[in-house]
Amino acid sequence: MAVMSQSTATAGGLVIGLGSAATLFLWGIHEWRRKDRCQLLLLILGSTIAILTAPGEHHLVNATLPRP
C-alpha cells in the first residue's frame, strides 16, 4: 500500500474542490443564461459566504472546537 504525504493529499483535495466549484459555477451560469434559472448560482453564492464567514462567527460567539 502506497503512503501519500500530507501536502500531496492537501494539494489533491484543493484541486478537486476548486475544480468542482468551478464546474458548478459554470453550470450555474449556463442554467441562468440558457434556461433563465438562477437558483444554482444563488446556492453557490450562499455556500461561499457561509464558508468564508464561519471563522468570524465562531470568534464572535466565542465558540471553541474540541481538539481531535
Protein backbone atom coordinates (compact mmCIF):
# COMPACT_ATOMS: atom_id res chain seq x y z
CA MET A 1 0.00 0.00 0.00
CA ALA A 2 1.44 3.36 -1.02
CA VAL A 3 1.69 6.14 1.53
CA MET A 4 0.79 9.66 0.42
CA SER A 5 2.33 12.70 2.09
CA GLN A 6 0.07 15.20 3.83
CA SER A 7 1.00 18.02 1.44
CA THR A 8 0.23 15.87 -1.60
CA ALA A 9 -3.16 14.91 -0.19
CA THR A 10 -3.91 18.55 0.67
CA ALA A 11 -2.96 19.73 -2.81
CA GLY A 12 -5.05 16.96 -4.39
CA GLY A 13 -8.06 17.83 -2.26
CA LEU A 14 -7.65 21.50 -3.13
CA VAL A 15 -7.51 20.74 -6.85
CA ILE A 16 -10.59 18.52 -6.67
CA GLY A 17 -12.52 21.05 -4.56
CA LEU A 18 -11.69 24.04 -6.75
CA GLY A 19 -12.40 22.04 -9.90
CA SER A 20 -15.80 21.02 -8.56
CA ALA A 21 -16.62 24.59 -7.53
CA ALA A 22 -15.59 25.97 -10.92
CA THR A 23 -17.66 23.33 -12.71
CA LEU A 24 -20.74 24.11 -10.61
CA PHE A 25 -20.23 27.85 -11.15
CA LEU A 26 -20.04 27.41 -14.93
CA TRP A 27 -23.08 25.12 -14.86
CA GLY A 28 -24.93 27.78 -12.85
CA ILE A 29 -24.07 30.43 -15.44
CA HIS A 30 -25.30 28.09 -18.18
CA GLU A 31 -28.58 27.49 -16.34
CA TRP A 32 -29.05 31.22 -15.81
CA ARG A 33 -28.28 32.27 -19.37
CA ARG A 34 -30.00 29.45 -21.26
CA LYS A 35 -32.91 28.46 -19.04
CA ASP A 36 -33.42 31.68 -17.03
CA ARG A 37 -32.93 29.89 -13.68
CA CYS A 38 -30.59 31.44 -11.14
CA GLN A 39 -31.13 29.07 -8.20
CA LEU A 40 -27.81 27.23 -8.62
CA LEU A 41 -25.82 30.47 -8.68
CA LEU A 42 -27.62 31.71 -5.56
CA LEU A 43 -26.91 28.40 -3.80
CA ILE A 44 -23.21 28.59 -4.69
CA LEU A 45 -23.03 32.23 -3.57
CA GLY A 46 -24.73 31.48 -0.25
CA SER A 47 -22.47 28.48 0.39
CA THR A 48 -19.36 30.53 -0.36
CA ILE A 49 -20.43 33.29 2.01
CA ALA A 50 -21.17 30.73 4.75
CA ILE A 51 -17.78 29.04 4.37
CA LEU A 52 -15.86 32.33 4.38
CA THR A 53 -17.69 33.83 7.38
CA ALA A 54 -17.75 30.74 9.64
CA PRO A 55 -14.44 31.50 11.43
CA GLY A 56 -15.60 35.05 12.17
CA GLU A 57 -18.89 33.80 13.55
CA HIS A 58 -17.07 31.34 15.81
CA HIS A 59 -14.91 34.20 17.09
CA LEU A 60 -17.91 36.47 17.71
CA VAL A 61 -19.81 33.89 19.77
CA ASN A 62 -16.60 32.71 21.48
CA ALA A 63 -17.12 29.15 20.26
CA THR A 64 -14.27 26.73 20.84
CA LEU A 65 -13.99 23.50 18.95
CA PRO A 66 -12.57 20.47 20.79
CA ARG A 67 -9.20 19.16 19.75
CA PRO A 68 -9.27 15.87 17.89
